[in-house]
Amino acid sequence: MNTQKFGALLLLLIFGASIQGFSQCETWNGSDRQSEAEDAHVVYRGKIKEQKYNEAFPYWEKAFSIAPAADGQRSFHFSDGVDIYMHMFQNETDEAKKKEYAKRVVELYDQWVNCYPKEAAYARGRQAYNMFYTLQSDYGAIEKVLAEAVEKGGNNSEYIVMDPYAHVVVWMYKNNLMEASRAREIHTSLVTLADHNIANNKNYGSYYQQAKDAMLGTFDQIERDIFDCTYFKNKYLPQYQADPDNKEVYREVYKQLVKGGCDKSDPIVYEIFLKDSIATMEDFKANNPGYFANELYKQGKFEEAIAKYEEAISKEEDAEKLADYHLAIASIQFRKLNRLSAARSSALQAAKMRPNWGQPYLLIGDMYAQSSSSCGNNQVEKGLAVLAALDKYAYARSIDDTPEVQSDASSKIARYSSYKPDGGEAFMMGIKEGQSMTVPCWIGESVKVRFK
């Protein structure tokens, strides 16, 4: 091939690649089909909010074909496309079609990251979550997505990536597909992510704690294979010896040594433990009024934990901390003591302390959903409790626009919508859709009847 022909071919390849990249991220701004794209966008978004994914699909497909990146400011066309294809995947029985839908989901995530690189951490985290729990993708492929999500997100990575990442690492290590050094590296990054958010994330610190506990439980399967006390001493003791009176340093060193398998009776480990215990007890008392309540909770002393939280409330003036304490009490009353009415009151008190916070309403929704199997004398009456739960999830989503609440509420709405009352059975009882009915038993709320 002569130089002239080669140059022409190279220009064609470069131009073709640029056109493909442009088309993937094309917006409707300035397009002669902008109005058409915007109309389709509005229609499909409305149908998605009603969870009518099949009806939304052709409108989404039209809007996406014209402007994959929408207006260039919002990534809805990619994220909504993922939701639609995930719905199709979960409701399809033909394996060939499921495979096609799964492939399309991955492609949409790739386009999303390409067009909105600032959202890469969030998108890859959600992609890995779906690949692991629903699409059941190859673990090697999942690990690459997880690695990108955590690399891009750092301490802002979502807690949902932690346990899947642990399962993937353990499986790959056991099957000789990952070196111990890489497993240790991932383990450390996930612990750092969790500890940062447990300490600093007021809204979701408890979720990171739960994710960390689950992740560490999974890593327990290989922990002795990839870590030993000598390794941790060599790595962390120099930090302590260089600055032995720095609280932040010796607290972290002690935590890492114990986690690495060092015996607490080891002289150097016990030395750090005593120093930390003496120096920090007063700090905990002064700066963490809910600390001892949490310690009592860990010990299974739930009544005493509630009493301590109430004591902390009596001394606290910060509204956000008060809301946290009330919600902690509500969670204990609900999940540990089954005091549902009291738990609802505590959750509502938390909501009062922090307006536009969806977590209390998600918790109340969980109470109603759990009670649905026992509230009522027939399936229709029991379904009313489900409707009450759905109302709470929807309300949480309407007042709290944080991604975590939006995701959790949407997930729970999707999960419980199939448990609405049956229209046929309700008709035989003289119950009509749209009428108001009172949910039986302790719930006692009025709901508008909807059928599945």
Protein backbone atom coordinates (compact mmCIF):
# COMPACT_ATOMS: atom_id res chain seq x y z
CA MET A 1 0.00 0.00 0.00
CA ASN A 2 1.53 3.37 -1.03
CA THR A 3 1.90 6.29 1.38
CA GLN A 4 -1.01 8.26 -0.09
CA LYS A 5 -3.46 5.37 0.22
CA PHE A 6 -2.28 4.55 3.74
CA GLY A 7 -2.73 8.17 4.82
CA ALA A 8 -6.25 8.26 3.39
CA LEU A 9 -7.15 5.02 5.18
CA LEU A 10 -5.74 6.34 8.48
CA LEU A 11 -7.78 9.52 8.19
CA LEU A 12 -10.89 7.45 7.49
CA LEU A 13 -10.32 5.28 10.56
CA ILE A 14 -9.71 8.30 12.78
CA PHE A 15 -12.77 10.10 11.41
CA GLY A 16 -14.92 6.99 11.85
CA ALA A 17 -13.78 6.56 15.46
CA SER A 18 -14.50 10.20 16.22
CA ILE A 19 -17.98 9.96 14.68
CA GLN A 20 -18.71 6.84 16.74
CA GLY A 21 -17.56 8.54 19.95
CA PHE A 22 -19.60 11.62 19.09
CA SER A 23 -22.74 9.65 18.33
CA GLN A 24 -22.50 7.80 21.60
CA CYS A 25 -22.45 11.10 23.49
CA GLU A 26 -24.63 13.18 21.18
CA THR A 27 -27.08 15.58 22.85
CA TRP A 28 -30.31 17.05 21.57
CA ASN A 29 -28.98 20.59 21.92
CA GLY A 30 -29.22 22.27 18.53
CA SER A 31 -30.54 19.12 16.86
CA ASP A 32 -33.33 19.50 14.32
CA ARG A 33 -34.99 16.66 16.26
CA GLN A 34 -34.57 18.27 19.69
CA SER A 35 -38.30 18.72 20.27
CA GLU A 36 -38.95 15.12 19.23
CA ALA A 37 -36.27 13.84 21.60
CA GLU A 38 -37.49 15.97 24.52
CA ASP A 39 -41.08 14.81 24.04
CA ALA A 40 -40.03 11.16 24.02
CA HIS A 41 -37.86 11.81 27.09
CA VAL A 42 -40.75 13.29 29.07
CA VAL A 43 -43.10 10.43 28.14
CA TYR A 44 -40.74 7.60 28.99
CA ARG A 45 -39.60 9.21 32.26
CA GLY A 46 -43.20 9.43 33.39
CA LYS A 47 -43.81 5.79 32.59
CA ILE A 48 -40.64 4.71 34.40
CA LYS A 49 -41.79 6.53 37.53
CA GLU A 50 -44.93 4.40 37.30
CA GLN A 51 -42.68 1.34 36.77
CA LYS A 52 -44.24 0.71 33.36
CA TYR A 53 -40.94 -0.31 31.82
CA ASN A 54 -42.35 -2.11 28.81
CA GLU A 55 -44.42 0.93 27.87
CA ALA A 56 -41.48 3.23 28.48
CA PHE A 57 -39.09 1.26 26.26
CA PRO A 58 -40.09 2.55 22.76
CA TYR A 59 -40.08 6.16 23.96
CA TRP A 60 -36.74 5.69 25.68
CA GLU A 61 -35.35 4.01 22.58
CA LYS A 62 -36.43 6.97 20.44
CA ALA A 63 -35.00 9.57 22.82
CA PHE A 64 -31.79 7.55 23.14
CA SER A 65 -31.37 7.10 19.40
CA ILE A 66 -31.60 10.86 18.85
CA ALA A 67 -29.59 12.01 21.88
CA PRO A 68 -27.84 9.31 23.95
CA ALA A 69 -26.48 11.97 26.33
CA ALA A 70 -29.82 13.84 26.59
CA ASP A 71 -29.03 17.53 27.16
CA GLY A 72 -25.41 16.91 28.10
CA GLN A 73 -26.12 17.70 31.76
CA ARG A 74 -28.05 14.60 32.84
CA SER A 75 -27.19 10.94 32.34
CA PHE A 76 -30.79 9.76 32.53
CA HIS A 77 -30.80 8.11 29.12
CA PHE A 78 -28.04 5.75 30.21
CA SER A 79 -29.22 5.05 33.77
CA ASP A 80 -32.86 4.68 32.71
CA GLY A 81 -31.81 2.42 29.85
CA VAL A 82 -30.02 0.22 32.37
CA ASP A 83 -33.17 0.04 34.51
CA ILE A 84 -35.32 -0.87 31.51
CA TYR A 85 -32.99 -3.62 30.28
CA MET A 86 -32.54 -4.94 33.82
CA HIS A 87 -36.33 -5.19 34.07
CA MET A 88 -36.45 -7.02 30.73
CA PHE A 89 -33.66 -9.35 31.86
CA GLN A 90 -35.41 -10.22 35.12
CA ASN A 91 -38.71 -10.91 33.39
CA GLU A 92 -37.33 -12.89 30.44
CA THR A 93 -37.20 -16.70 30.35
CA ASP A 94 -35.44 -17.15 27.02
CA GLU A 95 -31.74 -17.56 27.82
CA ALA A 96 -30.58 -16.13 24.50
CA LYS A 97 -32.58 -12.96 25.03
CA LYS A 98 -31.39 -12.69 28.66
CA LYS A 99 -27.82 -12.87 27.40
CA GLU A 100 -28.57 -10.14 24.87
CA TYR A 101 -30.14 -7.92 27.54
CA ALA A 102 -27.21 -8.46 29.88
CA LYS A 103 -24.81 -7.46 27.13
CA ARG A 104 -26.85 -4.33 26.44
CA VAL A 105 -26.74 -3.38 30.13
CA VAL A 106 -22.95 -3.55 30.13
CA GLU A 107 -22.78 -1.53 26.91
CA LEU A 108 -24.98 1.18 28.39
CA TYR A 109 -22.74 1.42 31.44
CA ASP A 110 -19.70 1.76 29.18
CA GLN A 111 -21.40 4.55 27.21
CA TRP A 112 -22.49 6.23 30.46
CA VAL A 113 -18.92 6.33 31.76
CA ASN A 114 -17.61 7.47 28.37
CA CYS A 115 -20.08 10.36 28.12
CA TYR A 116 -20.22 11.32 31.80
CA PRO A 117 -16.75 10.46 33.16
CA LYS A 118 -17.40 12.35 36.41
CA GLU A 119 -20.06 9.75 37.21
CA ALA A 120 -17.73 6.82 36.53
CA ALA A 121 -17.41 5.73 40.17
CA TYR A 122 -21.16 5.69 40.74
CA ALA A 123 -21.94 4.04 37.40
CA ARG A 124 -19.28 1.33 37.75
CA GLY A 125 -20.37 0.60 41.32
CA ARG A 126 -23.95 0.10 40.19
CA GLN A 127 -22.77 -1.93 37.23
CA ALA A 128 -20.76 -4.27 39.44
CA TYR A 129 -23.70 -4.62 41.82
CA ASN A 130 -26.02 -5.63 38.98
CA MET A 131 -23.44 -7.92 37.39
CA PHE A 132 -22.86 -9.71 40.68
CA TYR A 133 -26.36 -10.03 42.11
CA THR A 134 -28.57 -10.18 39.02
CA LEU A 135 -26.68 -10.73 35.79
CA GLN A 136 -24.39 -13.29 37.44
CA SER A 137 -21.51 -12.25 35.22
CA ASP A 138 -18.04 -13.73 35.09
CA TYR A 139 -16.14 -12.89 38.27
CA GLY A 140 -13.09 -11.76 36.33
CA ALA A 141 -15.18 -9.19 34.46
CA ILE A 142 -16.84 -8.07 37.68
CA GLU A 143 -13.47 -7.59 39.37
CA LYS A 144 -12.32 -5.20 36.64
CA VAL A 145 -15.49 -3.11 37.02
CA LEU A 146 -15.18 -3.11 40.81
CA ALA A 147 -11.54 -2.07 40.60
CA GLU A 148 -12.47 0.91 38.42
CA ALA A 149 -15.38 1.87 40.69
CA VAL A 150 -13.22 1.95 43.83
CA GLU A 151 -10.29 3.60 42.05
CA LYS A 152 -12.52 6.37 40.69
CA GLY A 153 -14.61 6.78 43.85
CA GLY A 154 -12.04 6.47 46.59
CA ASN A 155 -13.66 7.14 49.96
CA ASN A 156 -16.80 8.28 48.16
CA SER A 157 -17.42 4.81 46.72
CA GLU A 158 -20.79 3.34 47.64
CA TYR A 159 -21.06 0.73 50.37
CA ILE A 160 -22.85 -1.63 47.95
CA VAL A 161 -19.55 -2.54 46.24
CA MET A 162 -17.85 -3.86 49.37
CA ASP A 163 -19.36 -7.29 49.95
CA PRO A 164 -19.51 -8.22 46.23
CA TYR A 165 -15.85 -7.21 45.94
CA ALA A 166 -14.96 -9.42 48.89
CA HIS A 167 -16.78 -12.43 47.39
CA VAL A 168 -15.07 -11.90 44.04
CA VAL A 169 -11.62 -11.59 45.61
CA VAL A 170 -12.08 -14.68 47.77
CA TRP A 171 -13.33 -16.74 44.82
CA MET A 172 -10.52 -15.59 42.53
CA TYR A 173 -7.86 -16.18 45.21
CA LYS A 174 -9.17 -19.68 45.97
CA ASN A 175 -9.15 -20.50 42.25
CA ASN A 176 -5.59 -19.23 41.77
CA LEU A 177 -6.75 -16.27 39.68
CA MET A 178 -5.46 -13.60 42.06
CA GLU A 179 -2.19 -13.17 43.92
CA ALA A 180 -2.17 -12.72 47.69
CA SER A 181 -0.58 -9.28 47.29
CA ARG A 182 -3.49 -8.10 45.15
CA ALA A 183 -6.02 -9.57 47.60
CA ARG A 184 -4.28 -7.72 50.44
CA GLU A 185 -4.30 -4.50 48.45
CA ILE A 186 -8.06 -4.72 47.81
CA HIS A 187 -8.77 -5.69 51.42
CA THR A 188 -6.89 -2.63 52.67
CA SER A 189 -8.67 -0.28 50.27
CA LEU A 190 -12.09 -1.56 51.33
CA VAL A 191 -11.30 -1.26 55.03
CA THR A 192 -10.12 2.31 54.45
CA LEU A 193 -13.31 3.11 52.55
CA ALA A 194 -15.49 1.68 55.31
CA ASP A 195 -13.65 3.29 58.22
CA HIS A 196 -13.72 6.72 56.58
CA ASN A 197 -17.48 6.62 56.14
CA ILE A 198 -18.21 5.06 59.53
CA ALA A 199 -16.40 8.00 61.08
CA ASN A 200 -17.60 10.78 58.78
CA ASN A 201 -20.79 9.80 56.93
CA LYS A 202 -23.65 10.87 59.19
CA ASN A 203 -26.41 9.51 56.99
CA TYR A 204 -24.91 6.19 55.96
CA GLY A 205 -22.18 5.41 58.47
CA SER A 206 -24.24 2.51 59.82
CA TYR A 207 -24.60 1.06 56.32
CA TYR A 208 -20.83 1.15 55.82
CA GLN A 209 -20.45 -0.55 59.20
CA GLN A 210 -22.80 -3.34 58.12
CA ALA A 211 -21.02 -3.62 54.77
CA LYS A 212 -17.64 -3.73 56.50
CA ASP A 213 -18.81 -6.47 58.87
CA ALA A 214 -20.10 -8.53 55.94
CA MET A 215 -16.95 -7.91 53.91
CA LEU A 216 -14.63 -8.88 56.73
CA GLY A 217 -16.72 -11.98 57.38
CA THR A 218 -16.21 -12.99 53.75
CA PHE A 219 -12.48 -12.25 53.86
CA ASP A 220 -12.20 -14.47 56.93
CA GLN A 221 -12.10 -17.42 54.53
CA ILE A 222 -8.66 -16.39 53.23
CA GLU A 223 -7.43 -13.94 55.85
CA ARG A 224 -4.93 -16.38 57.40
CA ASP A 225 -3.59 -17.15 53.94
CA ILE A 226 -2.87 -13.57 52.94
CA PHE A 227 -1.97 -11.92 56.26
CA ASP A 228 0.18 -12.71 59.29
CA CYS A 229 1.25 -10.85 62.41
CA THR A 230 4.82 -10.39 61.20
CA TYR A 231 3.59 -8.68 58.07
CA PHE A 232 1.49 -6.23 60.05
CA LYS A 233 4.26 -5.53 62.55
CA ASN A 234 6.75 -4.77 59.77
CA LYS A 235 4.27 -2.49 58.07
CA TYR A 236 2.76 -0.53 60.96
CA LEU A 237 5.15 -0.55 63.93
CA PRO A 238 7.56 1.94 62.30
CA GLN A 239 4.71 4.48 62.26
CA TYR A 240 4.12 3.98 65.97
CA GLN A 241 7.83 4.08 66.88
CA ALA A 242 8.27 7.32 64.92
CA ASP A 243 5.42 9.07 66.72
CA PRO A 244 4.42 7.00 69.77
CA ASP A 245 2.22 9.65 71.45
CA ASN A 246 0.11 10.52 68.42
CA LYS A 247 -3.40 9.24 69.17
CA GLU A 248 -4.41 8.90 65.55
CA VAL A 249 -1.27 6.93 64.76
CA TYR A 250 -1.34 4.43 67.60
CA ARG A 251 -5.09 3.84 67.31
CA GLU A 252 -4.72 2.92 63.66
CA VAL A 253 -1.59 0.82 64.31
CA TYR A 254 -3.33 -1.16 67.06
CA LYS A 255 -6.37 -1.80 64.90
CA GLN A 256 -4.22 -3.04 62.02
CA LEU A 257 -2.08 -5.27 64.24
CA VAL A 258 -5.06 -7.00 65.84
CA LYS A 259 -6.78 -7.35 62.50
CA GLY A 260 -3.58 -8.88 61.16
CA GLY A 261 -3.72 -11.72 63.64
CA CYS A 262 -1.41 -10.41 66.36
CA ASP A 263 -2.29 -11.67 69.83
CA LYS A 264 -3.49 -8.94 72.18
CA SER A 265 -1.17 -10.32 74.84
CA ASP A 266 1.85 -9.60 72.62
CA PRO A 267 3.92 -7.05 74.61
CA ILE A 268 3.98 -4.31 71.99
CA VAL A 269 0.30 -4.78 71.11
CA TYR A 270 -0.72 -4.66 74.79
CA GLU A 271 1.41 -1.56 75.32
CA ILE A 272 -0.48 0.28 72.57
CA PHE A 273 -3.81 -1.02 73.87
CA LEU A 274 -3.21 0.36 77.38
CA LYS A 275 -2.05 3.71 76.04
CA ASP A 276 -5.10 4.01 73.84
CA SER A 277 -7.52 2.89 76.56
CA ILE A 278 -6.27 5.39 79.12
CA ALA A 279 -5.87 8.33 76.76
CA THR A 280 -9.10 8.01 74.84
CA MET A 281 -11.78 7.02 77.33
CA GLU A 282 -12.48 10.61 78.32
CA ASP A 283 -12.43 11.69 74.67
CA PHE A 284 -15.10 9.14 73.90
CA LYS A 285 -17.22 10.29 76.81
CA ALA A 286 -16.93 13.95 75.90
CA ASN A 287 -17.20 13.78 72.11
CA ASN A 288 -19.34 10.70 71.50
CA PRO A 289 -22.42 10.77 73.74
CA GLY A 290 -23.90 7.86 71.84
CA TYR A 291 -20.76 5.72 72.00
CA PHE A 292 -21.66 3.75 75.10
CA ALA A 293 -25.16 3.24 73.77
CA ASN A 294 -23.61 1.66 70.70
CA GLU A 295 -21.34 -0.49 72.86
CA LEU A 296 -24.34 -1.77 74.81
CA TYR A 297 -26.07 -2.52 71.52
CA LYS A 298 -23.08 -4.58 70.36
CA GLN A 299 -23.30 -6.55 73.61
CA GLY A 300 -26.96 -7.33 72.95
CA LYS A 301 -28.13 -5.14 75.85
CA PHE A 302 -30.88 -3.46 73.89
CA GLU A 303 -32.89 -1.99 76.75
CA GLU A 304 -29.77 -0.47 78.27
CA ALA A 305 -28.73 0.83 74.85
CA ILE A 306 -32.05 2.65 74.46
CA ALA A 307 -31.66 4.16 77.92
CA LYS A 308 -28.18 5.41 77.00
CA TYR A 309 -29.42 6.89 73.72
CA GLU A 310 -32.16 8.69 75.67
CA GLU A 311 -29.52 9.99 78.06
CA ALA A 312 -27.50 11.23 75.08
CA ILE A 313 -30.62 12.93 73.70
CA SER A 314 -31.15 14.78 76.97
CA LYS A 315 -27.64 16.26 76.68
CA GLU A 316 -27.58 16.96 72.95
CA GLU A 317 -28.63 20.13 71.13
CA ASP A 318 -27.52 19.40 67.57
CA ALA A 319 -30.60 18.49 65.52
CA GLU A 320 -28.79 16.05 63.22
CA LYS A 321 -27.29 14.10 66.11
CA LEU A 322 -30.68 14.04 67.82
CA ALA A 323 -32.19 12.64 64.64
CA ASP A 324 -29.50 9.94 64.52
CA TYR A 325 -30.17 8.95 68.12
CA HIS A 326 -33.94 8.78 67.63
CA LEU A 327 -33.49 6.66 64.51
CA ALA A 328 -31.07 4.35 66.35
CA ILE A 329 -33.70 3.87 69.06
CA ALA A 330 -36.35 3.21 66.40
CA SER A 331 -34.15 0.60 64.74
CA ILE A 332 -33.58 -1.23 68.05
CA GLN A 333 -37.25 -1.10 68.99
CA PHE A 334 -38.21 -2.48 65.59
CA ARG A 335 -35.51 -4.97 64.67
CA LYS A 336 -34.50 -6.22 68.12
CA LEU A 337 -37.51 -5.74 70.41
CA ASN A 338 -40.43 -5.88 67.96
CA ARG A 339 -42.05 -2.81 69.56
CA LEU A 340 -43.52 -1.57 66.34
CA SER A 341 -45.71 1.30 67.57
CA ALA A 342 -42.89 2.68 69.71
CA ALA A 343 -40.44 2.26 66.85
CA ARG A 344 -42.69 4.21 64.51
CA SER A 345 -42.98 7.04 67.04
CA SER A 346 -39.20 7.18 67.42
CA ALA A 347 -38.70 7.18 63.66
CA LEU A 348 -41.19 10.03 63.24
CA GLN A 349 -39.35 11.95 65.94
CA ALA A 350 -36.11 11.45 63.97
CA ALA A 351 -37.84 12.73 60.84
CA LYS A 352 -39.03 15.80 62.74
CA MET A 353 -35.48 16.56 63.82
CA ARG A 354 -34.11 16.38 60.27
CA PRO A 355 -36.54 17.48 57.54
CA ASN A 356 -36.19 15.97 54.06
CA TRP A 357 -34.49 12.87 55.46
CA GLY A 358 -35.82 9.71 53.90
CA GLN A 359 -34.27 7.11 56.21
CA PRO A 360 -36.97 7.27 58.95
CA TYR A 361 -39.68 6.66 56.36
CA LEU A 362 -37.75 3.78 54.80
CA LEU A 363 -37.58 2.21 58.27
CA ILE A 364 -41.32 2.70 58.84
CA GLY A 365 -41.94 1.18 55.42
CA ASP A 366 -39.91 -1.85 56.50
CA MET A 367 -42.05 -2.14 59.64
CA TYR A 368 -45.24 -2.14 57.58
CA ALA A 369 -43.85 -4.59 55.04
CA GLN A 370 -42.78 -6.99 57.80
CA SER A 371 -46.20 -6.74 59.41
CA SER A 372 -48.09 -7.45 56.18
CA SER A 373 -48.10 -11.20 56.71
CA SER A 374 -49.93 -10.88 60.03
CA CYS A 375 -52.01 -7.70 59.64
CA GLY A 376 -55.46 -8.73 58.46
CA ASN A 377 -57.74 -11.73 58.18
CA ASN A 378 -57.35 -12.24 54.43
CA GLN A 379 -54.94 -11.50 51.62
CA VAL A 380 -56.65 -8.26 50.66
CA GLU A 381 -56.38 -6.86 54.20
CA LYS A 382 -52.77 -8.01 54.42
CA GLY A 383 -52.12 -6.30 51.12
CA LEU A 384 -53.23 -3.00 52.67
CA ALA A 385 -50.14 -3.12 54.89
CA VAL A 386 -48.04 -3.53 51.75
CA LEU A 387 -49.71 -0.43 50.28
CA ALA A 388 -48.88 1.49 53.45
CA ALA A 389 -45.24 0.36 53.13
CA LEU A 390 -45.13 1.41 49.47
CA ASP A 391 -46.52 4.83 50.42
CA LYS A 392 -43.71 5.31 52.93
CA TYR A 393 -41.04 4.24 50.45
CA ALA A 394 -42.47 6.60 47.85
CA TYR A 395 -42.58 9.45 50.37
CA ALA A 396 -38.96 8.83 51.37
CA ARG A 397 -37.97 9.03 47.71
CA SER A 398 -39.98 12.22 47.19
CA ILE A 399 -38.30 14.19 50.00
CA ASP A 400 -34.74 12.86 49.92
CA ASP A 401 -32.81 13.10 46.66
CA THR A 402 -29.63 11.43 47.87
CA PRO A 403 -28.64 8.55 45.55
CA GLU A 404 -28.72 6.01 48.37
CA VAL A 405 -32.29 6.81 49.44
CA GLN A 406 -33.44 7.04 45.84
CA SER A 407 -31.91 3.64 45.10
CA ASP A 408 -33.09 1.93 48.30
CA ALA A 409 -36.63 3.28 48.00
CA SER A 410 -36.90 2.31 44.33
CA SER A 411 -35.55 -1.16 45.03
CA LYS A 412 -38.05 -1.75 47.83
CA ILE A 413 -40.94 -0.39 45.78
CA ALA A 414 -40.03 -2.77 42.98
CA ARG A 415 -39.72 -5.68 45.42
CA TYR A 416 -43.05 -5.22 47.19
CA SER A 417 -45.24 -3.96 44.34
CA SER A 418 -46.09 -7.53 43.39
CA TYR A 419 -47.69 -8.01 46.83
CA LYS A 420 -50.42 -5.45 46.35
CA PRO A 421 -54.00 -6.71 46.88
CA ASP A 422 -55.45 -8.90 44.16
CA GLY A 423 -58.15 -7.07 42.21
CA GLY A 424 -60.32 -10.11 41.70
CA GLU A 425 -60.42 -11.07 45.33
CA ALA A 426 -61.04 -7.46 46.34
CA PHE A 427 -63.93 -7.19 43.87
CA MET A 428 -65.61 -10.21 45.48
CA MET A 429 -65.38 -8.33 48.79
CA GLY A 430 -66.92 -5.19 47.32
CA ILE A 431 -63.67 -3.23 47.44
CA LYS A 432 -62.95 -0.83 44.61
CA GLU A 433 -59.66 0.57 43.43
CA GLY A 434 -59.10 4.10 44.64
CA GLN A 435 -61.26 3.90 47.72
CA SER A 436 -59.75 4.74 51.10
CA MET A 437 -59.35 1.96 53.61
CA THR A 438 -57.78 1.73 57.04
CA VAL A 439 -54.93 -0.72 57.45
CA PRO A 440 -55.77 -3.20 60.24
CA CYS A 441 -53.81 -4.07 63.40
CA TRP A 442 -51.27 -1.66 64.84
CA ILE A 443 -50.67 0.28 61.62
CA GLY A 444 -54.07 2.00 61.50
CA GLU A 445 -53.22 4.29 58.58
CA SER A 446 -55.56 5.12 55.72
CA VAL A 447 -54.45 4.07 52.23
CA LYS A 448 -55.82 4.40 48.73
CA VAL A 449 -56.55 0.93 47.38
CA ARG A 450 -54.45 -0.13 44.40
CA PHE A 451 -54.29 -3.54 42.82
CA LYS A 452 -51.37 -5.40 41.33
